[in-house]
Every structure is written in structure tokens, then in C-alpha cells.
Amino acid sequence: MTMMFATTGGNVSGQQIRRDDQMLYLMIKPDPEAAAAMDGLRHQYDLARKYALERFHFTLVPFGDIRLLSPENLELIRRAAASLQTEPFEVTLNRIRGNGLVGSRMLALRDFQRALVARLDAFGVDRPDYAFNPHVSLTYEEWQQRNIPVSPISWRVRQLLLINSVHGKGHELLGSWTLAPRQGSLF
């Protein structure tokens, strides 16, 4: 993952200090049942559970420190997200790899993320380089070598979220957009 972080400008022993305690992201989150199942995996495999299950998510696009974003760029992000025309889609995760939960068939999610990036680019949004690696972090403890198949956890993604992640406090919702079916249901 390539990401740029803002610094405080100060240094400690000649190194820049990272200031990443208010980071802005476009993300999707699991529904409550899927989040509870993910928390159950943490319990089952003895993973640290300090990270609240309400914070489970896929990072689609990170923007860095929100305090350094111009109001114009924040408005462009909102407009680009609102312009995305995508139907709801399924996500299924079935393996713990390292500290994250991953899926084997992620084409719909990857297509959604690419469409989102295309909209951001079309609106001229300034954004850092980011290599999308779809996973939901289960823990932020020291990274462990794991590759464990698990019972699939699935949910239907119905909403795109703009979140200010405040370190130690949680996620502050700044915007949300519903993914709408283009055709009525036949069932």
C-alpha cells in the first residue's frame, strides 16, 4: 500500500513525526450480522479485540489527514461520490490472511473501487497513490503469519461512506450514498 501522510513539521531524533490521527477515507462497512461474525472469528482465533466491531471496513480510497484537505477538495470528494451510479453488490470473505479477512472472489468489489476512483479523477480530486488490497482488518496487533480458511461471511453492500477516522475515538460519518438498483426487483 502506498500512501502519503502529512507530518507535523517537527521531528524527533531527526525523523519526521507522522500526524495521522484524523484520516479521511471512502469506505464500505459490513452489516451488523457480518460484523458480529467477524468479531466471532477474532474470539475463535484468539485475536486482540481492542478494535471495535463497528469500525470493521474496507478502505476504498484514503485521502490523508482531513485537517490538511482544502474545503474545495472535500466538496469535490462529496460530489464525485454522489455521482457514482452503482448497484448494490455482494461481498464474501472466507480466509484470515495475516491480520485481515479476505475473499477469493472480489471482482465486484474491485470493479466498484475502480469506478469510484474514476469518478474522483473525473472531478479532479487530489488523492494520494493507493494500491487497493481488499481486506477487512480484524486486529491491529503485531502482524502474524496466518492463512486460515474460515466459513464464508457475506453481506450485500448498499452504501458508500465518507469517514473521518479519529484515532482512539472512532469513525465520524461525514457523508453516505446509497447504492441503488437500476431495475426493479423481479422477485
Protein backbone atom coordinates (compact mmCIF):
# COMPACT_ATOMS: atom_id res chain seq x y z
CA MET A 1 0.00 0.00 0.00
CA THR A 2 1.41 3.38 -0.98
CA MET A 3 0.11 6.29 0.99
CA MET A 4 1.26 9.81 1.77
CA PHE A 5 0.88 11.14 5.28
CA ALA A 6 1.10 14.70 6.48
CA THR A 7 3.63 15.49 9.13
CA THR A 8 3.64 17.98 11.95
CA GLY A 9 6.78 19.58 10.63
CA GLY A 10 8.55 18.75 13.87
CA ASN A 11 10.98 15.93 14.34
CA VAL A 12 12.28 13.56 16.93
CA SER A 13 15.90 12.45 16.56
CA GLY A 14 15.93 13.81 13.02
CA GLN A 15 12.80 11.88 11.90
CA GLN A 16 9.52 13.45 10.87
CA ILE A 17 6.56 12.78 13.19
CA ARG A 18 3.53 11.25 11.49
CA ARG A 19 0.24 13.02 12.14
CA ASP A 20 -2.40 10.52 11.12
CA ASP A 21 -4.91 10.80 13.91
CA GLN A 22 -7.72 12.26 11.76
CA MET A 23 -7.67 10.41 8.49
CA LEU A 24 -10.33 10.75 5.79
CA TYR A 25 -11.48 7.66 3.86
CA LEU A 26 -14.12 6.49 1.44
CA MET A 27 -15.10 3.04 2.70
CA ILE A 28 -17.73 0.38 2.94
CA LYS A 29 -18.71 -1.44 6.12
CA PRO A 30 -20.27 -4.83 6.78
CA ASP A 31 -23.81 -5.10 8.04
CA PRO A 32 -24.19 -5.80 11.80
CA GLU A 33 -24.57 -9.57 11.34
CA ALA A 34 -21.39 -9.82 9.26
CA ALA A 35 -19.51 -7.60 11.73
CA ALA A 36 -20.61 -9.86 14.61
CA ALA A 37 -19.41 -12.92 12.66
CA MET A 38 -16.04 -11.21 12.11
CA ASP A 39 -15.80 -10.50 15.82
CA GLY A 40 -16.58 -14.17 16.45
CA LEU A 41 -13.55 -15.09 14.31
CA ARG A 42 -11.36 -12.86 16.46
CA HIS A 43 -12.61 -14.68 19.53
CA GLN A 44 -12.25 -18.11 17.92
CA TYR A 45 -8.66 -17.48 16.77
CA ASP A 46 -7.60 -15.51 19.86
CA LEU A 47 -7.02 -12.21 18.04
CA ALA A 48 -6.93 -8.96 20.02
CA ARG A 49 -10.39 -7.41 20.20
CA LYS A 50 -9.48 -3.81 21.13
CA TYR A 51 -10.69 -2.62 17.71
CA ALA A 52 -14.48 -2.07 17.93
CA LEU A 53 -16.51 -4.18 15.52
CA GLU A 54 -18.36 -1.00 14.41
CA ARG A 55 -15.06 0.03 12.80
CA PHE A 56 -14.67 -3.03 10.53
CA HIS A 57 -14.42 -1.75 6.95
CA PHE A 58 -12.87 -1.94 3.51
CA THR A 59 -10.79 1.15 2.73
CA LEU A 60 -11.63 2.10 -0.85
CA VAL A 61 -9.74 5.39 -1.09
CA PRO A 62 -7.67 7.13 1.62
CA PHE A 63 -7.16 10.90 1.47
CA GLY A 64 -4.78 11.55 4.35
CA ASP A 65 -5.15 13.99 7.21
CA ILE A 66 -8.53 15.71 6.93
CA ARG A 67 -7.16 18.85 8.57
CA LEU A 68 -4.89 19.38 5.57
CA LEU A 69 -7.58 18.96 2.89
CA SER A 70 -8.94 22.09 1.30
CA PRO A 71 -12.70 22.68 1.64
CA GLU A 72 -12.83 22.64 -2.18
CA ASN A 73 -11.25 19.17 -2.39
CA LEU A 74 -13.61 17.85 0.32
CA GLU A 75 -16.57 19.18 -1.68
CA LEU A 76 -15.21 17.55 -4.87
CA ILE A 77 -14.95 14.22 -3.00
CA ARG A 78 -18.60 14.52 -1.95
CA ARG A 79 -19.76 15.45 -5.45
CA ALA A 80 -17.78 12.60 -7.04
CA ALA A 81 -19.19 10.07 -4.55
CA ALA A 82 -22.73 11.34 -5.13
CA SER A 83 -22.28 10.98 -8.89
CA LEU A 84 -21.33 7.29 -8.69
CA GLN A 85 -24.10 5.17 -10.18
CA THR A 86 -23.59 1.63 -8.96
CA GLU A 87 -25.91 -1.14 -7.92
CA PRO A 88 -25.61 -2.97 -4.59
CA PHE A 89 -23.29 -5.98 -4.73
CA GLU A 90 -22.27 -8.98 -2.64
CA VAL A 91 -19.02 -9.35 -0.73
CA THR A 92 -17.90 -12.71 0.66
CA LEU A 93 -14.85 -13.18 2.88
CA ASN A 94 -13.54 -16.66 3.59
CA ARG A 95 -9.94 -16.58 4.80
CA ILE A 96 -7.90 -14.94 7.54
CA ARG A 97 -4.66 -13.82 5.94
CA GLY A 98 -2.23 -12.09 8.28
CA ASN A 99 -4.38 -9.79 10.44
CA GLY A 100 -7.11 -9.35 7.86
CA LEU A 101 -10.11 -11.15 6.46
CA VAL A 102 -10.04 -11.63 2.68
CA GLY A 103 -12.17 -13.19 -0.03
CA SER A 104 -11.32 -15.26 -3.05
CA ARG A 105 -13.83 -13.70 -5.46
CA MET A 106 -13.64 -9.93 -5.15
CA LEU A 107 -14.36 -8.83 -8.73
CA ALA A 108 -17.49 -6.82 -7.85
CA LEU A 109 -15.65 -5.00 -5.06
CA ARG A 110 -12.63 -4.31 -7.27
CA ASP A 111 -14.94 -3.02 -10.06
CA PHE A 112 -16.73 -0.78 -7.55
CA GLN A 113 -13.44 0.66 -6.26
CA ARG A 114 -12.19 1.29 -9.82
CA ALA A 115 -15.44 3.05 -10.73
CA LEU A 116 -15.14 5.20 -7.60
CA VAL A 117 -11.55 6.17 -8.44
CA ALA A 118 -12.64 7.02 -12.00
CA ARG A 119 -15.34 9.36 -10.62
CA LEU A 120 -12.84 11.02 -8.26
CA ASP A 121 -10.43 11.52 -11.15
CA ALA A 122 -13.21 12.90 -13.37
CA PHE A 123 -13.95 15.51 -10.70
CA GLY A 124 -10.27 16.41 -10.31
CA VAL A 125 -9.98 15.21 -6.71
CA ASP A 126 -6.48 15.36 -5.25
CA ARG A 127 -5.75 11.96 -3.75
CA PRO A 128 -2.68 10.01 -2.73
CA ASP A 129 -1.40 6.97 -4.58
CA TYR A 130 -3.05 3.86 -3.19
CA ALA A 131 -2.74 0.21 -4.16
CA PHE A 132 -6.15 -1.29 -3.36
CA ASN A 133 -5.75 -4.58 -1.49
CA PRO A 134 -9.26 -5.63 -0.42
CA HIS A 135 -9.32 -6.85 3.18
CA VAL A 136 -11.02 -6.12 6.47
CA SER A 137 -8.53 -5.73 9.31
CA LEU A 138 -9.60 -7.88 12.25
CA THR A 139 -6.92 -6.57 14.57
CA TYR A 140 -4.10 -4.07 14.65
CA GLU A 141 -1.90 -6.15 16.92
CA GLU A 142 1.57 -7.12 15.71
CA TRP A 143 1.26 -8.74 12.29
CA GLN A 144 1.17 -12.54 12.37
CA GLN A 145 1.67 -15.05 9.57
CA ARG A 146 -1.78 -16.60 9.10
CA ASN A 147 -3.57 -18.25 6.20
CA ILE A 148 -6.69 -19.83 7.69
CA PRO A 149 -9.78 -20.80 5.67
CA VAL A 150 -12.97 -19.84 7.53
CA SER A 151 -16.69 -20.22 6.95
CA PRO A 152 -17.78 -17.55 4.45
CA ILE A 153 -19.07 -14.24 5.79
CA SER A 154 -21.22 -12.42 3.23
CA TRP A 155 -23.25 -9.24 3.03
CA ARG A 156 -24.78 -7.01 0.41
CA VAL A 157 -23.00 -3.65 0.08
CA ARG A 158 -25.67 -0.96 -0.11
CA GLN A 159 -23.85 2.20 0.94
CA LEU A 160 -20.66 4.18 0.32
CA LEU A 161 -19.36 6.09 3.35
CA LEU A 162 -17.11 9.12 3.80
CA ILE A 163 -15.47 8.73 7.20
CA ASN A 164 -13.13 10.81 9.33
CA SER A 165 -11.30 8.17 11.38
CA VAL A 166 -10.27 9.83 14.63
CA HIS A 167 -7.52 7.80 16.29
CA GLY A 168 -8.65 6.41 19.62
CA LYS A 169 -12.19 7.75 19.25
CA GLY A 170 -13.80 6.03 16.27
CA HIS A 171 -15.40 6.86 12.95
CA GLU A 172 -17.15 10.16 12.32
CA LEU A 173 -19.60 9.90 9.41
CA LEU A 174 -19.23 12.86 7.01
CA GLY A 175 -21.34 11.54 4.15
CA SER A 176 -23.12 8.46 2.84
CA TRP A 177 -24.54 7.48 -0.51
CA THR A 178 -26.96 4.62 -1.15
CA LEU A 179 -26.20 2.21 -3.97
CA ALA A 180 -29.44 1.96 -5.93
CA PRO A 181 -30.62 -0.88 -8.16
CA ARG A 182 -31.15 0.33 -11.73
CA GLN A 183 -34.08 -2.03 -12.32
CA GLY A 184 -36.90 -3.09 -10.06
CA SER A 185 -36.74 -6.47 -8.42
CA LEU A 186 -38.44 -9.31 -10.24
CA PHE A 187 -38.97 -11.32 -7.05
